[in-house]
Amino acid sequence: MENYADLMFHEAVADLQKTDGSYDKFQVGYKHRTQDSLSADDIAFIQSRESAYIATTTPDGWPYVQHRGGARGFFKVVNANQLVCGDYRGNRQFISMGNLETNTRISMFFMDYMNKARLKIQGHATLQSAADASPEILALVQDEGPAAERVLTVDVVAMDWNCPKYIPDFYPADMVRHVVAREMDKLRQENAALREALQNQTK
């Protein structure tokens, strides 16, 4: 993979950093952050997410950001430099798909609001019909939900863990249900114990 700073800190960005006084800090810091491939922690994080934000650009350079969601782990890691996910029937505008046919560059944010973490991915992507995907890839992206119409494949070029500042406190519904169910079970057990204690006192 490429160095994230080399890829993203172009001349205008570098000039702003120099004016701000942060340029040297980033130059030193990012030299030690380049990876050849996604690490085990990176892969575990990606495959634990239930949503991602994806940006593509039109031929005129207009950015287009789209949300992609699914069951937890809907994005799969094929190998240490490639990701895939199923793409399902949407509003039929085909903007992301059309953009990728003219420019394969893609930018993604994987967010963990509960733990205040976010992973940025830069890469090249293709969005192909599920009928054209290999059986191995289809087996990865198909789940118990609706059948995928297309398959999004992303070849990772660079990545960066972004700072946790200003990430709001959001808790996934499945996590909330789990905690509520656990606490309700505790309350039921406590209530049962109290009833038994009261009954023993009145005997």
N, C-alpha and C. Protein backbone atom coordinates (compact mmCIF):
# COMPACT_ATOMS: atom_id res chain seq x y z
N MET A 1 0.83 -1.19 0.00
CA MET A 1 0.00 0.00 0.00
C MET A 1 0.87 1.25 0.00
N GLU A 2 0.29 2.34 -0.43
CA GLU A 2 1.00 3.61 -0.45
C GLU A 2 0.90 4.31 0.89
N ASN A 3 1.81 5.26 1.11
CA ASN A 3 1.76 6.08 2.30
C ASN A 3 0.58 7.04 2.19
N TYR A 4 -0.26 7.07 3.21
CA TYR A 4 -1.48 7.88 3.17
C TYR A 4 -1.15 9.37 2.99
N ALA A 5 -0.12 9.83 3.68
CA ALA A 5 0.26 11.24 3.58
C ALA A 5 0.75 11.58 2.18
N ASP A 6 1.56 10.69 1.58
CA ASP A 6 2.05 10.94 0.22
C ASP A 6 0.88 11.02 -0.77
N LEU A 7 -0.14 10.24 -0.51
CA LEU A 7 -1.29 10.19 -1.42
C LEU A 7 -2.20 11.40 -1.26
N MET A 8 -2.41 11.84 -0.02
CA MET A 8 -3.45 12.83 0.26
C MET A 8 -2.95 14.24 0.54
N PHE A 9 -1.69 14.38 0.99
CA PHE A 9 -1.19 15.71 1.35
C PHE A 9 -0.52 16.35 0.14
N HIS A 10 -1.33 16.76 -0.84
CA HIS A 10 -0.77 17.40 -2.04
C HIS A 10 -0.29 18.82 -1.70
N GLU A 11 0.20 19.53 -2.68
CA GLU A 11 0.91 20.79 -2.43
C GLU A 11 0.06 21.80 -1.66
N ALA A 12 -1.20 21.95 -2.05
CA ALA A 12 -2.05 22.93 -1.37
C ALA A 12 -2.29 22.53 0.08
N VAL A 13 -2.44 21.22 0.33
CA VAL A 13 -2.62 20.73 1.70
C VAL A 13 -1.34 20.99 2.50
N ALA A 14 -0.20 20.67 1.91
CA ALA A 14 1.09 20.88 2.59
C ALA A 14 1.29 22.35 2.93
N ASP A 15 0.91 23.24 2.03
CA ASP A 15 1.06 24.67 2.30
C ASP A 15 0.22 25.09 3.50
N LEU A 16 -1.00 24.58 3.59
CA LEU A 16 -1.86 24.90 4.72
C LEU A 16 -1.28 24.35 6.02
N GLN A 17 -0.73 23.13 5.95
CA GLN A 17 -0.12 22.54 7.14
C GLN A 17 1.09 23.34 7.60
N LYS A 18 1.87 23.81 6.65
CA LYS A 18 3.05 24.62 7.01
C LYS A 18 2.63 25.93 7.67
N THR A 19 1.58 26.54 7.15
CA THR A 19 1.07 27.77 7.75
C THR A 19 0.57 27.51 9.17
N ASP A 20 -0.04 26.35 9.36
CA ASP A 20 -0.59 25.98 10.67
C ASP A 20 0.49 25.52 11.64
N GLY A 21 1.63 25.06 11.10
CA GLY A 21 2.70 24.54 11.95
C GLY A 21 2.62 23.05 12.19
N SER A 22 1.75 22.35 11.46
CA SER A 22 1.58 20.91 11.68
C SER A 22 2.29 20.04 10.64
N TYR A 23 2.90 20.68 9.64
CA TYR A 23 3.50 19.92 8.54
C TYR A 23 4.59 18.96 9.01
N ASP A 24 5.55 19.44 9.77
CA ASP A 24 6.67 18.59 10.21
C ASP A 24 6.18 17.42 11.06
N LYS A 25 5.21 17.68 11.92
CA LYS A 25 4.67 16.62 12.76
C LYS A 25 4.08 15.49 11.91
N PHE A 26 3.31 15.86 10.89
CA PHE A 26 2.71 14.85 10.02
C PHE A 26 3.76 14.11 9.20
N GLN A 27 4.76 14.82 8.72
CA GLN A 27 5.81 14.17 7.93
C GLN A 27 6.54 13.11 8.74
N VAL A 28 6.81 13.42 10.00
CA VAL A 28 7.48 12.45 10.87
C VAL A 28 6.54 11.30 11.23
N GLY A 29 5.31 11.64 11.61
CA GLY A 29 4.37 10.62 12.07
C GLY A 29 3.97 9.63 11.00
N TYR A 30 3.70 10.11 9.81
CA TYR A 30 3.19 9.23 8.77
C TYR A 30 4.26 8.33 8.15
N LYS A 31 5.53 8.68 8.34
CA LYS A 31 6.60 7.80 7.83
C LYS A 31 6.54 6.43 8.50
N HIS A 32 6.03 6.39 9.72
CA HIS A 32 6.00 5.14 10.49
C HIS A 32 4.64 4.44 10.40
N ARG A 33 3.73 5.00 9.60
CA ARG A 33 2.37 4.46 9.57
C ARG A 33 2.02 3.74 8.27
N THR A 34 2.97 3.64 7.36
CA THR A 34 2.71 2.95 6.10
C THR A 34 2.75 1.44 6.32
N GLN A 35 1.76 0.75 5.78
CA GLN A 35 1.69 -0.71 5.89
C GLN A 35 1.71 -1.33 4.51
N ASP A 36 2.24 -2.54 4.41
CA ASP A 36 2.20 -3.26 3.14
C ASP A 36 0.80 -3.79 2.87
N SER A 37 0.05 -4.06 3.95
CA SER A 37 -1.28 -4.63 3.80
C SER A 37 -2.08 -4.36 5.07
N LEU A 38 -3.35 -4.69 5.02
CA LEU A 38 -4.20 -4.53 6.19
C LEU A 38 -3.74 -5.49 7.29
N SER A 39 -3.71 -5.00 8.52
CA SER A 39 -3.30 -5.85 9.64
C SER A 39 -4.49 -6.67 10.13
N ALA A 40 -4.22 -7.59 11.03
CA ALA A 40 -5.29 -8.41 11.61
C ALA A 40 -6.30 -7.53 12.33
N ASP A 41 -5.84 -6.48 13.01
CA ASP A 41 -6.75 -5.56 13.70
C ASP A 41 -7.59 -4.77 12.71
N ASP A 42 -6.98 -4.34 11.60
CA ASP A 42 -7.73 -3.62 10.57
C ASP A 42 -8.84 -4.50 10.01
N ILE A 43 -8.50 -5.73 9.70
CA ILE A 43 -9.45 -6.68 9.12
C ILE A 43 -10.59 -6.96 10.09
N ALA A 44 -10.26 -7.17 11.35
CA ALA A 44 -11.29 -7.45 12.36
C ALA A 44 -12.24 -6.26 12.49
N PHE A 45 -11.68 -5.04 12.43
CA PHE A 45 -12.51 -3.85 12.53
C PHE A 45 -13.47 -3.75 11.35
N ILE A 46 -12.95 -3.89 10.14
CA ILE A 46 -13.78 -3.79 8.93
C ILE A 46 -14.90 -4.82 8.96
N GLN A 47 -14.57 -6.04 9.35
CA GLN A 47 -15.55 -7.13 9.32
C GLN A 47 -16.48 -7.12 10.54
N SER A 48 -16.33 -6.13 11.41
CA SER A 48 -17.26 -5.99 12.52
C SER A 48 -18.23 -4.83 12.31
N ARG A 49 -18.09 -4.14 11.19
CA ARG A 49 -18.92 -2.95 10.93
C ARG A 49 -20.24 -3.33 10.27
N GLU A 50 -21.27 -2.51 10.56
CA GLU A 50 -22.57 -2.71 9.92
C GLU A 50 -22.90 -1.60 8.93
N SER A 51 -21.96 -0.67 8.73
CA SER A 51 -22.18 0.38 7.74
C SER A 51 -20.85 1.00 7.33
N ALA A 52 -20.89 1.70 6.20
CA ALA A 52 -19.71 2.41 5.70
C ALA A 52 -20.19 3.57 4.84
N TYR A 53 -19.38 4.63 4.80
CA TYR A 53 -19.64 5.76 3.92
C TYR A 53 -18.66 5.67 2.75
N ILE A 54 -19.20 5.83 1.54
CA ILE A 54 -18.41 5.63 0.33
C ILE A 54 -18.50 6.86 -0.56
N ALA A 55 -17.34 7.35 -1.00
CA ALA A 55 -17.29 8.53 -1.86
C ALA A 55 -16.70 8.18 -3.21
N THR A 56 -17.37 8.64 -4.27
CA THR A 56 -16.87 8.54 -5.64
C THR A 56 -16.96 9.94 -6.25
N THR A 57 -16.50 10.10 -7.47
CA THR A 57 -16.58 11.40 -8.12
C THR A 57 -17.16 11.27 -9.52
N THR A 58 -17.89 12.31 -9.95
CA THR A 58 -18.42 12.36 -11.31
C THR A 58 -17.29 12.71 -12.27
N PRO A 59 -17.50 12.55 -13.58
CA PRO A 59 -16.46 12.93 -14.54
C PRO A 59 -16.07 14.41 -14.44
N ASP A 60 -16.98 15.26 -13.94
CA ASP A 60 -16.68 16.69 -13.76
C ASP A 60 -16.00 16.98 -12.43
N GLY A 61 -15.79 15.94 -11.62
CA GLY A 61 -15.11 16.14 -10.35
C GLY A 61 -16.00 16.38 -9.15
N TRP A 62 -17.32 16.28 -9.32
CA TRP A 62 -18.22 16.46 -8.18
C TRP A 62 -18.18 15.23 -7.29
N PRO A 63 -17.95 15.42 -5.99
CA PRO A 63 -17.94 14.27 -5.09
C PRO A 63 -19.36 13.78 -4.82
N TYR A 64 -19.49 12.48 -4.63
CA TYR A 64 -20.78 11.88 -4.30
C TYR A 64 -20.57 10.88 -3.17
N VAL A 65 -21.24 11.12 -2.05
CA VAL A 65 -21.08 10.27 -0.87
C VAL A 65 -22.35 9.45 -0.67
N GLN A 66 -22.15 8.18 -0.43
CA GLN A 66 -23.29 7.27 -0.24
C GLN A 66 -23.04 6.40 0.98
N HIS A 67 -24.12 6.06 1.65
CA HIS A 67 -24.04 5.16 2.80
C HIS A 67 -24.33 3.74 2.33
N ARG A 68 -23.55 2.80 2.83
CA ARG A 68 -23.80 1.39 2.58
C ARG A 68 -23.95 0.70 3.92
N GLY A 69 -24.98 -0.11 4.07
CA GLY A 69 -25.20 -0.81 5.33
C GLY A 69 -25.65 -2.23 5.11
N GLY A 70 -25.60 -3.01 6.16
CA GLY A 70 -26.02 -4.40 6.10
C GLY A 70 -25.84 -5.06 7.45
N ALA A 71 -25.93 -6.36 7.45
CA ALA A 71 -25.69 -7.09 8.69
C ALA A 71 -24.25 -6.88 9.14
N ARG A 72 -24.03 -6.96 10.44
CA ARG A 72 -22.67 -6.76 10.97
C ARG A 72 -21.71 -7.71 10.24
N GLY A 73 -20.64 -7.13 9.68
CA GLY A 73 -19.68 -7.94 8.93
C GLY A 73 -20.02 -8.07 7.46
N PHE A 74 -20.90 -7.17 6.94
CA PHE A 74 -21.30 -7.30 5.53
C PHE A 74 -20.15 -7.01 4.57
N PHE A 75 -19.17 -6.22 5.02
CA PHE A 75 -17.95 -6.04 4.22
C PHE A 75 -17.00 -7.18 4.56
N LYS A 76 -16.54 -7.88 3.56
CA LYS A 76 -15.62 -9.00 3.74
C LYS A 76 -14.23 -8.65 3.22
N VAL A 77 -13.24 -9.21 3.85
CA VAL A 77 -11.86 -9.03 3.41
C VAL A 77 -11.43 -10.27 2.64
N VAL A 78 -11.25 -10.13 1.33
CA VAL A 78 -10.85 -11.26 0.47
C VAL A 78 -9.41 -11.64 0.76
N ASN A 79 -8.55 -10.65 0.82
CA ASN A 79 -7.16 -10.84 1.21
C ASN A 79 -6.71 -9.55 1.88
N ALA A 80 -5.46 -9.45 2.24
CA ALA A 80 -5.00 -8.31 3.04
C ALA A 80 -4.98 -6.99 2.28
N ASN A 81 -5.39 -6.99 1.01
CA ASN A 81 -5.44 -5.74 0.24
C ASN A 81 -6.73 -5.59 -0.56
N GLN A 82 -7.71 -6.44 -0.30
CA GLN A 82 -8.94 -6.36 -1.10
C GLN A 82 -10.18 -6.62 -0.25
N LEU A 83 -11.21 -5.78 -0.46
CA LEU A 83 -12.48 -5.89 0.26
C LEU A 83 -13.60 -6.12 -0.75
N VAL A 84 -14.66 -6.78 -0.29
CA VAL A 84 -15.86 -6.94 -1.12
C VAL A 84 -17.10 -6.81 -0.26
N CYS A 85 -18.19 -6.39 -0.90
CA CYS A 85 -19.49 -6.44 -0.23
C CYS A 85 -20.57 -6.57 -1.30
N GLY A 86 -21.71 -7.11 -0.90
CA GLY A 86 -22.84 -7.19 -1.80
C GLY A 86 -23.49 -5.83 -1.96
N ASP A 87 -24.00 -5.54 -3.15
CA ASP A 87 -24.70 -4.29 -3.43
C ASP A 87 -26.13 -4.64 -3.81
N TYR A 88 -27.09 -4.03 -3.13
CA TYR A 88 -28.48 -4.46 -3.25
C TYR A 88 -29.34 -3.45 -4.00
N ARG A 89 -30.52 -3.85 -4.35
CA ARG A 89 -31.43 -3.00 -5.11
C ARG A 89 -31.72 -1.72 -4.32
N GLY A 90 -31.48 -0.57 -4.97
CA GLY A 90 -31.68 0.71 -4.30
C GLY A 90 -32.66 1.57 -5.06
N ASN A 91 -32.33 2.88 -5.16
CA ASN A 91 -33.27 3.82 -5.79
C ASN A 91 -33.12 3.87 -7.31
N ARG A 92 -32.25 3.07 -7.85
CA ARG A 92 -32.06 2.93 -9.30
C ARG A 92 -31.45 4.16 -9.95
N GLN A 93 -30.75 5.00 -9.17
CA GLN A 93 -30.07 6.14 -9.78
C GLN A 93 -28.72 5.73 -10.38
N PHE A 94 -28.06 4.72 -9.80
CA PHE A 94 -26.80 4.19 -10.32
C PHE A 94 -25.67 5.23 -10.35
N ILE A 95 -25.69 6.18 -9.42
CA ILE A 95 -24.67 7.24 -9.45
C ILE A 95 -23.29 6.69 -9.13
N SER A 96 -23.19 5.95 -8.02
CA SER A 96 -21.87 5.38 -7.66
C SER A 96 -21.36 4.47 -8.76
N MET A 97 -22.25 3.65 -9.30
CA MET A 97 -21.84 2.70 -10.34
C MET A 97 -21.34 3.44 -11.58
N GLY A 98 -22.08 4.48 -11.98
CA GLY A 98 -21.67 5.27 -13.13
C GLY A 98 -20.36 6.00 -12.89
N ASN A 99 -20.19 6.52 -11.68
CA ASN A 99 -18.94 7.21 -11.35
C ASN A 99 -17.75 6.26 -11.44
N LEU A 100 -17.92 5.04 -10.92
CA LEU A 100 -16.81 4.09 -10.93
C LEU A 100 -16.46 3.61 -12.33
N GLU A 101 -17.39 3.71 -13.25
CA GLU A 101 -17.09 3.33 -14.63
C GLU A 101 -16.21 4.36 -15.31
N THR A 102 -16.20 5.59 -14.78
CA THR A 102 -15.37 6.64 -15.38
C THR A 102 -14.14 6.96 -14.53
N ASN A 103 -14.20 6.63 -13.24
CA ASN A 103 -13.06 6.88 -12.33
C ASN A 103 -13.15 5.85 -11.21
N THR A 104 -12.20 4.95 -11.14
CA THR A 104 -12.28 3.85 -10.18
C THR A 104 -11.86 4.25 -8.76
N ARG A 105 -11.41 5.51 -8.58
CA ARG A 105 -10.98 5.91 -7.24
C ARG A 105 -12.17 5.96 -6.28
N ILE A 106 -11.92 5.50 -5.06
CA ILE A 106 -12.97 5.45 -4.05
C ILE A 106 -12.36 5.80 -2.69
N SER A 107 -13.16 6.44 -1.85
CA SER A 107 -12.75 6.75 -0.49
C SER A 107 -13.84 6.24 0.44
N MET A 108 -13.43 5.60 1.54
CA MET A 108 -14.40 5.01 2.46
C MET A 108 -14.09 5.37 3.90
N PHE A 109 -15.15 5.52 4.69
CA PHE A 109 -15.06 5.69 6.13
C PHE A 109 -15.77 4.51 6.79
N PHE A 110 -15.06 3.79 7.62
CA PHE A 110 -15.68 2.78 8.48
C PHE A 110 -15.74 3.36 9.89
N MET A 111 -16.95 3.49 10.43
CA MET A 111 -17.14 4.16 11.71
C MET A 111 -17.54 3.18 12.81
N ASP A 112 -16.96 3.40 13.99
CA ASP A 112 -17.39 2.71 15.21
C ASP A 112 -17.74 3.81 16.21
N TYR A 113 -19.01 4.21 16.22
CA TYR A 113 -19.43 5.31 17.08
C TYR A 113 -19.32 4.95 18.56
N MET A 114 -19.63 3.70 18.88
CA MET A 114 -19.64 3.30 20.27
C MET A 114 -18.25 3.39 20.90
N ASN A 115 -17.22 2.98 20.14
CA ASN A 115 -15.85 3.02 20.65
C ASN A 115 -15.04 4.20 20.13
N LYS A 116 -15.73 5.11 19.42
CA LYS A 116 -15.10 6.33 18.89
C LYS A 116 -13.83 6.02 18.07
N ALA A 117 -14.03 5.25 17.02
CA ALA A 117 -12.92 4.90 16.14
C ALA A 117 -13.40 5.00 14.69
N ARG A 118 -12.48 5.39 13.81
CA ARG A 118 -12.84 5.44 12.38
C ARG A 118 -11.61 5.12 11.54
N LEU A 119 -11.85 4.32 10.53
CA LEU A 119 -10.80 3.88 9.62
C LEU A 119 -11.10 4.43 8.23
N LYS A 120 -10.10 5.12 7.65
CA LYS A 120 -10.26 5.66 6.30
C LYS A 120 -9.52 4.76 5.31
N ILE A 121 -10.19 4.48 4.21
CA ILE A 121 -9.62 3.64 3.15
C ILE A 121 -9.66 4.41 1.83
N GLN A 122 -8.55 4.42 1.12
CA GLN A 122 -8.50 4.92 -0.25
C GLN A 122 -8.21 3.73 -1.16
N GLY A 123 -8.88 3.67 -2.29
CA GLY A 123 -8.64 2.53 -3.15
C GLY A 123 -9.20 2.70 -4.55
N HIS A 124 -9.14 1.62 -5.30
CA HIS A 124 -9.75 1.54 -6.62
C HIS A 124 -10.84 0.49 -6.55
N ALA A 125 -12.00 0.79 -7.13
CA ALA A 125 -13.16 -0.10 -6.96
C ALA A 125 -13.82 -0.42 -8.29
N THR A 126 -14.48 -1.56 -8.29
CA THR A 126 -15.36 -1.95 -9.40
C THR A 126 -16.68 -2.38 -8.81
N LEU A 127 -17.74 -2.11 -9.56
CA LEU A 127 -19.08 -2.52 -9.15
C LEU A 127 -19.67 -3.31 -10.31
N GLN A 128 -19.70 -4.63 -10.16
CA GLN A 128 -20.11 -5.49 -11.26
C GLN A 128 -21.38 -6.26 -10.92
N SER A 129 -22.05 -6.73 -11.94
CA SER A 129 -23.24 -7.55 -11.74
C SER A 129 -22.87 -8.81 -10.96
N ALA A 130 -23.76 -9.23 -10.07
CA ALA A 130 -23.50 -10.45 -9.31
C ALA A 130 -23.35 -11.65 -10.23
N ALA A 131 -24.01 -11.60 -11.39
CA ALA A 131 -23.93 -12.70 -12.34
C ALA A 131 -22.53 -12.84 -12.92
N ASP A 132 -21.76 -11.77 -12.87
CA ASP A 132 -20.40 -11.79 -13.42
C ASP A 132 -19.33 -12.09 -12.37
N ALA A 133 -19.74 -12.15 -11.11
CA ALA A 133 -18.78 -12.40 -10.03
C ALA A 133 -18.47 -13.89 -9.92
N SER A 134 -17.31 -14.20 -9.40
CA SER A 134 -16.92 -15.60 -9.25
C SER A 134 -17.75 -16.26 -8.14
N PRO A 135 -17.94 -17.57 -8.20
CA PRO A 135 -18.69 -18.26 -7.14
C PRO A 135 -18.08 -18.06 -5.76
N GLU A 136 -16.75 -17.96 -5.69
CA GLU A 136 -16.08 -17.77 -4.41
C GLU A 136 -16.44 -16.41 -3.79
N ILE A 137 -16.46 -15.37 -4.64
CA ILE A 137 -16.81 -14.04 -4.15
C ILE A 137 -18.29 -13.99 -3.77
N LEU A 138 -19.15 -14.57 -4.59
CA LEU A 138 -20.58 -14.59 -4.26
C LEU A 138 -20.84 -15.29 -2.94
N ALA A 139 -20.11 -16.36 -2.69
CA ALA A 139 -20.28 -17.09 -1.42
C ALA A 139 -19.92 -16.20 -0.24
N LEU A 140 -18.97 -15.28 -0.43
CA LEU A 140 -18.58 -14.37 0.65
C LEU A 140 -19.65 -13.34 0.94
N VAL A 141 -20.27 -12.78 -0.11
CA VAL A 141 -21.15 -11.63 0.09
C VAL A 141 -22.61 -12.00 0.30
N GLN A 142 -23.02 -13.20 -0.09
CA GLN A 142 -24.42 -13.57 0.09
C GLN A 142 -24.67 -13.93 1.54
N ASP A 143 -25.75 -13.41 2.09
CA ASP A 143 -26.12 -13.75 3.47
C ASP A 143 -27.59 -14.16 3.49
N GLU A 144 -28.21 -14.09 4.66
CA GLU A 144 -29.60 -14.53 4.77
C GLU A 144 -30.59 -13.49 4.25
N GLY A 145 -30.11 -12.31 3.90
CA GLY A 145 -30.98 -11.26 3.38
C GLY A 145 -31.27 -11.44 1.90
N PRO A 146 -31.69 -10.35 1.23
CA PRO A 146 -31.97 -10.42 -0.21
C PRO A 146 -30.71 -10.72 -1.00
N ALA A 147 -30.90 -11.28 -2.18
CA ALA A 147 -29.76 -11.59 -3.03
C ALA A 147 -29.13 -10.30 -3.55
N ALA A 148 -27.82 -10.26 -3.57
CA ALA A 148 -27.11 -9.07 -4.06
C ALA A 148 -27.27 -8.95 -5.57
N GLU A 149 -27.54 -7.74 -6.04
CA GLU A 149 -27.62 -7.49 -7.48
C GLU A 149 -26.23 -7.31 -8.08
N ARG A 150 -25.35 -6.70 -7.28
CA ARG A 150 -24.00 -6.39 -7.74
C ARG A 150 -23.00 -6.71 -6.64
N VAL A 151 -21.74 -6.68 -7.00
CA VAL A 151 -20.66 -6.89 -6.03
C VAL A 151 -19.69 -5.73 -6.13
N LEU A 152 -19.43 -5.08 -5.00
CA LEU A 152 -18.45 -4.00 -4.94
C LEU A 152 -17.12 -4.59 -4.48
N THR A 153 -16.09 -4.42 -5.29
CA THR A 153 -14.75 -4.89 -4.96
C THR A 153 -13.83 -3.69 -4.84
N VAL A 154 -13.09 -3.62 -3.74
CA VAL A 154 -12.20 -2.48 -3.48
C VAL A 154 -10.77 -2.98 -3.29
N ASP A 155 -9.87 -2.53 -4.14
CA ASP A 155 -8.44 -2.80 -3.97
C ASP A 155 -7.86 -1.65 -3.17
N VAL A 156 -7.40 -1.94 -1.96
CA VAL A 156 -6.95 -0.91 -1.03
C VAL A 156 -5.60 -0.35 -1.48
N VAL A 157 -5.52 0.99 -1.56
CA VAL A 157 -4.29 1.69 -1.94
C VAL A 157 -3.61 2.30 -0.72
N ALA A 158 -4.41 2.86 0.19
CA ALA A 158 -3.86 3.47 1.40
C ALA A 158 -4.93 3.46 2.48
N MET A 159 -4.49 3.58 3.73
CA MET A 159 -5.43 3.59 4.85
C MET A 159 -4.88 4.46 5.96
N ASP A 160 -5.80 4.89 6.84
CA ASP A 160 -5.38 5.72 7.96
C ASP A 160 -6.43 5.63 9.06
N TRP A 161 -5.97 5.43 10.28
CA TRP A 161 -6.86 5.52 11.44
C TRP A 161 -6.97 6.99 11.81
N ASN A 162 -8.20 7.51 11.77
CA ASN A 162 -8.42 8.92 12.05
C ASN A 162 -8.63 9.15 13.55
N CYS A 163 -8.39 10.38 13.99
CA CYS A 163 -8.50 10.68 15.43
C CYS A 163 -9.96 10.58 15.88
N PRO A 164 -10.18 10.28 17.17
CA PRO A 164 -11.55 10.07 17.67
C PRO A 164 -12.29 11.35 18.05
N LYS A 165 -11.68 12.52 17.82
CA LYS A 165 -12.31 13.77 18.22
C LYS A 165 -13.68 13.95 17.57
N TYR A 166 -14.62 14.40 18.38
CA TYR A 166 -15.95 14.84 17.92
C TYR A 166 -16.82 13.72 17.37
N ILE A 167 -16.45 12.47 17.58
CA ILE A 167 -17.33 11.37 17.18
C ILE A 167 -18.44 11.29 18.22
N PRO A 168 -19.71 11.41 17.82
CA PRO A 168 -20.80 11.40 18.81
C PRO A 168 -21.02 10.01 19.40
N ASP A 169 -21.73 9.99 20.51
CA ASP A 169 -22.05 8.73 21.17
C ASP A 169 -23.29 8.11 20.54
N PHE A 170 -23.09 7.11 19.69
CA PHE A 170 -24.18 6.33 19.12
C PHE A 170 -23.96 4.88 19.50
N TYR A 171 -25.05 4.18 19.78
CA TYR A 171 -24.94 2.77 20.16
C TYR A 171 -25.79 1.93 19.22
N PRO A 172 -25.21 0.91 18.61
CA PRO A 172 -25.96 0.06 17.68
C PRO A 172 -27.15 -0.59 18.36
N ALA A 173 -28.24 -0.72 17.61
CA ALA A 173 -29.48 -1.26 18.18
C ALA A 173 -29.28 -2.66 18.74
N ASP A 174 -28.49 -3.51 18.06
CA ASP A 174 -28.31 -4.87 18.56
C ASP A 174 -27.56 -4.88 19.89
N MET A 175 -26.62 -3.94 20.05
CA MET A 175 -25.91 -3.83 21.32
C MET A 175 -26.84 -3.37 22.44
N VAL A 176 -27.70 -2.38 22.11
CA VAL A 176 -28.66 -1.88 23.10
C VAL A 176 -29.62 -3.00 23.52
N ARG A 177 -30.13 -3.74 22.54
CA ARG A 177 -31.04 -4.85 22.86
C ARG A 177 -30.37 -5.89 23.74
N HIS A 178 -29.09 -6.16 23.45
CA HIS A 178 -28.35 -7.14 24.24
C HIS A 178 -28.21 -6.68 25.69
N VAL A 179 -27.83 -5.41 25.88
CA VAL A 179 -27.63 -4.89 27.23
C VAL A 179 -28.96 -4.84 27.98
N VAL A 180 -30.03 -4.37 27.31
CA VAL A 180 -31.34 -4.30 27.95
C VAL A 180 -31.82 -5.69 28.35
N ALA A 181 -31.66 -6.67 27.45
CA ALA A 181 -32.09 -8.03 27.76
C ALA A 181 -31.31 -8.60 28.94
N ARG A 182 -30.01 -8.32 28.99
CA ARG A 182 -29.17 -8.81 30.09
C ARG A 182 -29.60 -8.20 31.41
N GLU A 183 -29.85 -6.88 31.41
CA GLU A 183 -30.24 -6.20 32.64
C GLU A 183 -31.64 -6.62 33.07
N MET A 184 -32.54 -6.83 32.12
CA MET A 184 -33.89 -7.30 32.46
C MET A 184 -33.84 -8.68 33.09
N ASP A 185 -32.96 -9.53 32.59
CA ASP A 185 -32.81 -10.87 33.16
C ASP A 185 -32.31 -10.78 34.60
N LYS A 186 -31.37 -9.86 34.85
CA LYS A 186 -30.87 -9.67 36.21
C LYS A 186 -31.99 -9.20 37.13
N LEU A 187 -32.82 -8.27 36.65
CA LEU A 187 -33.93 -7.76 37.46
C LEU A 187 -34.94 -8.85 37.77
N ARG A 188 -35.22 -9.70 36.78
CA ARG A 188 -36.16 -10.81 37.01
C ARG A 188 -35.63 -11.75 38.09
N GLN A 189 -34.33 -12.03 38.00
CA GLN A 189 -33.72 -12.92 39.01
C GLN A 189 -33.78 -12.27 40.40
N GLU A 190 -33.50 -10.97 40.48
CA GLU A 190 -33.54 -10.27 41.76
C GLU A 190 -34.96 -10.24 42.32
N ASN A 191 -35.95 -10.00 41.43
CA ASN A 191 -37.34 -9.98 41.87
C ASN A 191 -37.78 -11.34 42.38
N ALA A 192 -37.36 -12.39 41.67
CA ALA A 192 -37.71 -13.74 42.10
C ALA A 192 -37.10 -14.05 43.47
N ALA A 193 -35.85 -13.62 43.67
CA ALA A 193 -35.19 -13.85 44.96
C ALA A 193 -35.88 -13.07 46.07
N LEU A 194 -36.32 -11.83 45.79
CA LEU A 194 -37.02 -11.03 46.80
C LEU A 194 -38.37 -11.65 47.15
N ARG A 195 -39.12 -12.13 46.13
CA ARG A 195 -40.40 -12.78 46.41
C ARG A 195 -40.23 -14.00 47.29
N GLU A 196 -39.18 -14.77 46.96
CA GLU A 196 -38.93 -15.96 47.77
C GLU A 196 -38.58 -15.59 49.19
N ALA A 197 -37.78 -14.54 49.37
CA ALA A 197 -37.41 -14.09 50.71
C ALA A 197 -38.63 -13.61 51.48
N LEU A 198 -39.53 -12.87 50.83
CA LEU A 198 -40.75 -12.40 51.49
C LEU A 198 -41.66 -13.55 51.88
N GLN A 199 -41.78 -14.51 50.98
CA GLN A 199 -42.61 -15.67 51.27
C GLN A 199 -42.08 -16.44 52.48
N ASN A 200 -40.77 -16.56 52.57
CA ASN A 200 -40.15 -17.27 53.71
C ASN A 200 -40.37 -16.51 55.02
N GLN A 201 -40.41 -15.17 54.92
CA GLN A 201 -40.62 -14.37 56.15
C GLN A 201 -42.04 -14.48 56.66
N THR A 202 -43.01 -14.71 55.74
CA THR A 202 -44.42 -14.77 56.16
C THR A 202 -44.85 -16.17 56.58
N LYS A 203 -43.99 -17.12 56.44
CA LYS A 203 -44.36 -18.49 56.84
C LYS A 203 -44.31 -18.62 58.35
